[in-house]
Amino acid sequence: MMQAVGLAVLVLSLALTGCSKKGKKGKTRNRSHATVSSGRSVGGARAAQEMLPNHEAMPTTLSTLDGEPISRAKAPTSCKEPTGKCRGANAHGSVTYKADAGRSKVAQFDVIAYPNEKAAKRAYREWDSYINGDSHSDEFRSENINQVIGNEHIAFADLRPGKSGRHEALFRQGKYVATVAYINHEPAKVMPRTLAGLATMFAERIHQKATGETPSASAVNIPVV
């Protein structure tokens, strides 16, 4: 009789153990699925990171990193000016370089990735309207850099307090919207040439990555003034 009871207890124990292992396997599969589902966003961040110009792509006099490059599988943290630039964004990247002698000259590169070209066009147009709108006419001055950059672009000087010497190019390249800011505290008449060179290089790197190439565009030979 005791042997029969012992055998029954053993069988029940093995059955419960089997159920526990199946439960653990089920949880493992769920975790794996969650990781795979986030793959597109992670891929977007990696692409943004590769698009950013590296040290070798920068002019010698403007090639000192000012902080570490950033790439994230989400919209930028700062979503003001305008707020619509973050709508639908799924990744972004940024990097800043400065002149060897200090921060008298600074170049900032930012790129935002969207799920498709339609979303990128919407963000770009909202940004364009913000810069060129009547309500901000005393804050920004339109500039002509006489160069085709991306699918569409605008260039402007930032006239707001504390932004002295800051010139920017905003452009859309496919499903990406990017900005290049060139800050020179020693203003020069030919500054747009530097901004145009940096923006053209960045747009080409974005295009190269988006079409399956390794980004290689360089601005090594542009004038830095």
Protein backbone atom coordinates (compact mmCIF):
# COMPACT_ATOMS: atom_id res chain seq x y z
CA MET A 1 0.00 0.00 0.00
CA MET A 2 2.80 2.46 0.97
CA GLN A 3 4.61 1.69 -2.28
CA ALA A 4 1.51 2.53 -4.31
CA VAL A 5 1.09 5.88 -2.52
CA GLY A 6 4.78 6.73 -3.05
CA LEU A 7 4.53 5.96 -6.74
CA ALA A 8 1.49 8.20 -7.12
CA VAL A 9 3.25 11.10 -5.41
CA LEU A 10 6.27 10.69 -7.71
CA VAL A 11 4.07 10.72 -10.85
CA LEU A 12 2.23 13.86 -9.68
CA SER A 13 5.55 15.61 -8.90
CA LEU A 14 6.93 14.88 -12.38
CA ALA A 15 3.75 16.17 -14.01
CA LEU A 16 3.91 19.47 -12.12
CA THR A 17 7.58 19.90 -13.00
CA GLY A 18 6.78 19.42 -16.69
CA CYS A 19 4.10 22.12 -16.54
CA SER A 20 6.54 24.52 -14.88
CA LYS A 21 9.14 24.04 -17.64
CA LYS A 22 6.56 24.65 -20.35
CA GLY A 23 5.55 27.87 -18.66
CA LYS A 24 9.14 29.08 -18.59
CA LYS A 25 9.60 28.24 -22.26
CA GLY A 26 6.49 30.22 -23.11
CA LYS A 27 7.87 33.28 -21.31
CA THR A 28 11.19 32.94 -23.11
CA ARG A 29 9.44 32.95 -26.47
CA ASN A 30 7.52 36.11 -25.52
CA ARG A 31 10.71 37.94 -24.58
CA SER A 32 12.33 36.94 -27.84
CA HIS A 33 9.34 38.22 -29.83
CA ALA A 34 9.48 41.59 -28.07
CA THR A 35 13.13 42.01 -29.01
CA VAL A 36 12.45 41.23 -32.65
CA SER A 37 9.50 43.64 -32.79
CA SER A 38 11.76 46.54 -31.81
CA GLY A 39 14.26 45.72 -34.55
CA ARG A 40 13.11 48.41 -36.97
CA SER A 41 13.61 51.20 -34.45
CA VAL A 42 17.02 49.89 -33.46
CA GLY A 43 17.94 49.62 -37.13
CA GLY A 44 16.86 53.22 -37.63
CA ALA A 45 19.18 54.37 -34.85
CA ARG A 46 22.08 52.42 -36.34
CA ALA A 47 21.43 53.93 -39.75
CA ALA A 48 21.31 57.44 -38.26
CA GLN A 49 24.62 56.82 -36.52
CA GLU A 50 26.31 55.77 -39.78
CA MET A 51 24.91 58.80 -41.60
CA LEU A 52 26.55 61.21 -39.16
CA PRO A 53 29.90 62.49 -40.45
CA ASN A 54 32.91 60.90 -38.80
CA HIS A 55 36.21 62.60 -38.05
CA GLU A 56 37.64 61.69 -41.47
CA ALA A 57 34.75 63.41 -43.27
CA MET A 58 35.34 66.80 -41.63
CA PRO A 59 37.70 69.64 -42.61
CA THR A 60 40.91 69.52 -40.58
CA THR A 61 40.20 72.86 -38.92
CA LEU A 62 36.73 71.71 -37.85
CA SER A 63 37.24 68.10 -36.81
CA THR A 64 37.43 68.04 -33.00
CA LEU A 65 34.49 66.19 -31.45
CA ASP A 66 32.51 68.28 -28.98
CA GLY A 67 30.92 65.50 -26.93
CA GLU A 68 30.02 61.98 -28.03
CA PRO A 69 27.77 61.34 -31.07
CA ILE A 70 24.19 60.38 -30.15
CA SER A 71 21.81 57.95 -31.89
CA ARG A 72 18.53 56.77 -30.37
CA ALA A 73 15.67 54.55 -31.52
CA LYS A 74 13.10 57.22 -30.70
CA ALA A 75 12.15 60.82 -31.44
CA PRO A 76 14.46 63.60 -30.19
CA THR A 77 14.04 64.64 -26.57
CA SER A 78 13.62 68.29 -27.52
CA CYS A 79 10.53 68.61 -29.69
CA LYS A 80 9.99 72.36 -29.71
CA GLU A 81 10.45 74.80 -32.57
CA PRO A 82 8.40 73.30 -34.09
CA THR A 83 6.65 70.58 -32.08
CA GLY A 84 5.54 68.82 -35.28
CA LYS A 85 9.08 67.74 -36.14
CA CYS A 86 8.79 64.82 -33.70
CA ARG A 87 5.42 63.53 -34.92
CA GLY A 88 5.94 59.99 -36.19
CA ALA A 89 9.74 60.09 -35.77
CA ASN A 90 11.22 56.69 -34.91
CA ALA A 91 14.96 57.45 -34.62
CA HIS A 92 17.43 60.32 -34.55
CA GLY A 93 21.14 61.03 -34.41
CA SER A 94 23.38 64.03 -33.76
CA VAL A 95 27.03 65.00 -33.56
CA THR A 96 28.93 68.26 -32.98
CA TYR A 97 32.41 69.30 -34.09
CA LYS A 98 34.42 72.38 -33.15
CA ALA A 99 37.55 74.15 -34.33
CA ASP A 100 40.81 72.87 -32.83
CA ALA A 101 41.41 76.22 -31.18
CA GLY A 102 38.10 76.13 -29.27
CA ARG A 103 34.44 76.90 -29.88
CA SER A 104 34.86 79.97 -32.09
CA LYS A 105 33.59 77.78 -34.94
CA VAL A 106 31.14 74.92 -34.40
CA ALA A 107 29.27 72.54 -36.73
CA GLN A 108 26.22 70.61 -35.52
CA PHE A 109 24.58 67.77 -37.47
CA ASP A 110 21.14 66.35 -36.65
CA VAL A 111 19.05 63.80 -38.53
CA ILE A 112 15.54 62.53 -37.75
CA ALA A 113 14.18 59.31 -39.30
CA TYR A 114 10.51 58.79 -40.11
CA PRO A 115 8.67 55.60 -41.08
CA ASN A 116 8.07 56.82 -44.63
CA GLU A 117 8.56 59.75 -47.00
CA LYS A 118 5.03 61.08 -46.41
CA ALA A 119 5.72 61.56 -42.69
CA ALA A 120 9.07 63.21 -43.46
CA LYS A 121 7.45 65.63 -45.93
CA ARG A 122 4.86 66.62 -43.33
CA ALA A 123 7.54 67.30 -40.71
CA TYR A 124 9.68 69.26 -43.16
CA ARG A 125 6.79 71.47 -44.27
CA GLU A 126 5.81 72.24 -40.70
CA TRP A 127 9.41 73.17 -39.95
CA ASP A 128 9.62 75.30 -43.09
CA SER A 129 6.39 77.11 -42.18
CA TYR A 130 7.71 77.80 -38.69
CA ILE A 131 10.96 79.34 -39.97
CA ASN A 132 9.39 81.34 -42.80
CA GLY A 133 6.12 82.24 -41.09
CA ASP A 134 5.18 85.87 -40.46
CA SER A 135 5.09 85.31 -36.70
CA HIS A 136 8.83 84.54 -36.71
CA SER A 137 10.03 87.01 -39.34
CA ASP A 138 12.10 88.90 -36.77
CA GLU A 139 13.78 85.70 -35.51
CA PHE A 140 15.07 84.18 -38.74
CA ARG A 141 16.52 85.62 -41.94
CA SER A 142 16.34 83.58 -45.11
CA GLU A 143 19.66 82.92 -46.88
CA ASN A 144 20.52 81.71 -50.35
CA ILE A 145 23.35 79.17 -50.49
CA ASN A 146 22.98 78.61 -54.26
CA GLN A 147 23.17 74.85 -54.08
CA VAL A 148 20.75 71.91 -54.36
CA ILE A 149 20.67 70.04 -51.05
CA GLY A 150 18.53 66.92 -50.64
CA ASN A 151 15.03 66.75 -52.12
CA GLU A 152 14.15 70.18 -50.71
CA HIS A 153 15.88 72.64 -48.42
CA ILE A 154 15.94 76.08 -46.83
CA ALA A 155 18.79 78.04 -45.26
CA PHE A 156 18.56 80.79 -42.69
CA ALA A 157 20.38 82.87 -40.08
CA ASP A 158 19.17 82.66 -36.48
CA LEU A 159 18.60 86.20 -35.17
CA ARG A 160 17.32 85.26 -31.72
CA PRO A 161 19.14 86.46 -28.59
CA GLY A 162 22.08 84.22 -27.74
CA LYS A 163 22.23 82.76 -31.27
CA SER A 164 24.67 85.23 -32.78
CA GLY A 165 26.66 83.83 -35.70
CA ARG A 166 24.40 80.79 -36.11
CA HIS A 167 23.46 79.80 -39.67
CA GLU A 168 21.44 76.69 -40.50
CA ALA A 169 20.39 74.53 -43.41
CA LEU A 170 17.25 72.39 -43.10
CA PHE A 171 16.68 69.70 -45.72
CA ARG A 172 14.72 66.55 -46.47
CA GLN A 173 16.36 63.52 -48.04
CA GLY A 174 13.78 60.80 -48.65
CA LYS A 175 12.29 59.78 -45.30
CA TYR A 176 14.88 61.74 -43.32
CA VAL A 177 14.84 65.38 -42.24
CA ALA A 178 18.16 66.90 -41.20
CA THR A 179 19.69 70.15 -40.04
CA VAL A 180 23.23 71.46 -40.22
CA ALA A 181 24.11 74.43 -38.03
CA TYR A 182 27.34 76.33 -38.54
CA ILE A 183 28.21 78.77 -35.78
CA ASN A 184 30.98 81.28 -36.36
CA HIS A 185 31.59 84.00 -33.79
CA GLU A 186 33.84 85.76 -36.28
CA PRO A 187 31.27 86.50 -39.04
CA ALA A 188 32.48 86.48 -42.64
CA LYS A 189 30.68 87.30 -45.86
CA VAL A 190 31.49 83.91 -47.41
CA MET A 191 30.15 81.87 -44.49
CA PRO A 192 27.31 80.36 -46.62
CA ARG A 193 30.01 78.50 -48.59
CA THR A 194 30.99 76.60 -45.43
CA LEU A 195 27.37 75.86 -44.52
CA ALA A 196 26.60 74.74 -48.08
CA GLY A 197 29.61 72.40 -48.14
CA LEU A 198 28.75 70.79 -44.81
CA ALA A 199 25.07 70.38 -45.70
CA THR A 200 25.80 68.92 -49.14
CA MET A 201 28.15 66.36 -47.60
CA PHE A 202 25.56 65.39 -44.94
CA ALA A 203 22.75 65.04 -47.49
CA GLU A 204 24.94 62.79 -49.62
CA ARG A 205 25.84 60.57 -46.65
CA ILE A 206 22.13 60.17 -45.83
CA HIS A 207 21.37 59.34 -49.47
CA GLN A 208 24.21 56.81 -49.59
CA LYS A 209 23.01 54.97 -46.50
CA ALA A 210 19.37 55.04 -47.63
CA THR A 211 20.34 53.41 -50.95
CA GLY A 212 22.41 50.65 -49.39
CA GLU A 213 25.86 52.20 -49.72
CA THR A 214 28.37 52.82 -46.96
CA PRO A 215 28.37 56.58 -46.27
CA SER A 216 31.62 58.01 -47.62
CA ALA A 217 30.84 61.61 -48.63
CA SER A 218 33.39 64.05 -47.24
CA ALA A 219 33.75 67.78 -46.69
CA VAL A 220 37.51 67.70 -46.12
CA ASN A 221 38.26 70.23 -48.85
CA ILE A 222 35.55 72.84 -48.23
CA PRO A 223 36.56 76.34 -47.08
CA VAL A 224 36.04 76.94 -43.36
CA VAL A 225 35.52 80.67 -42.84
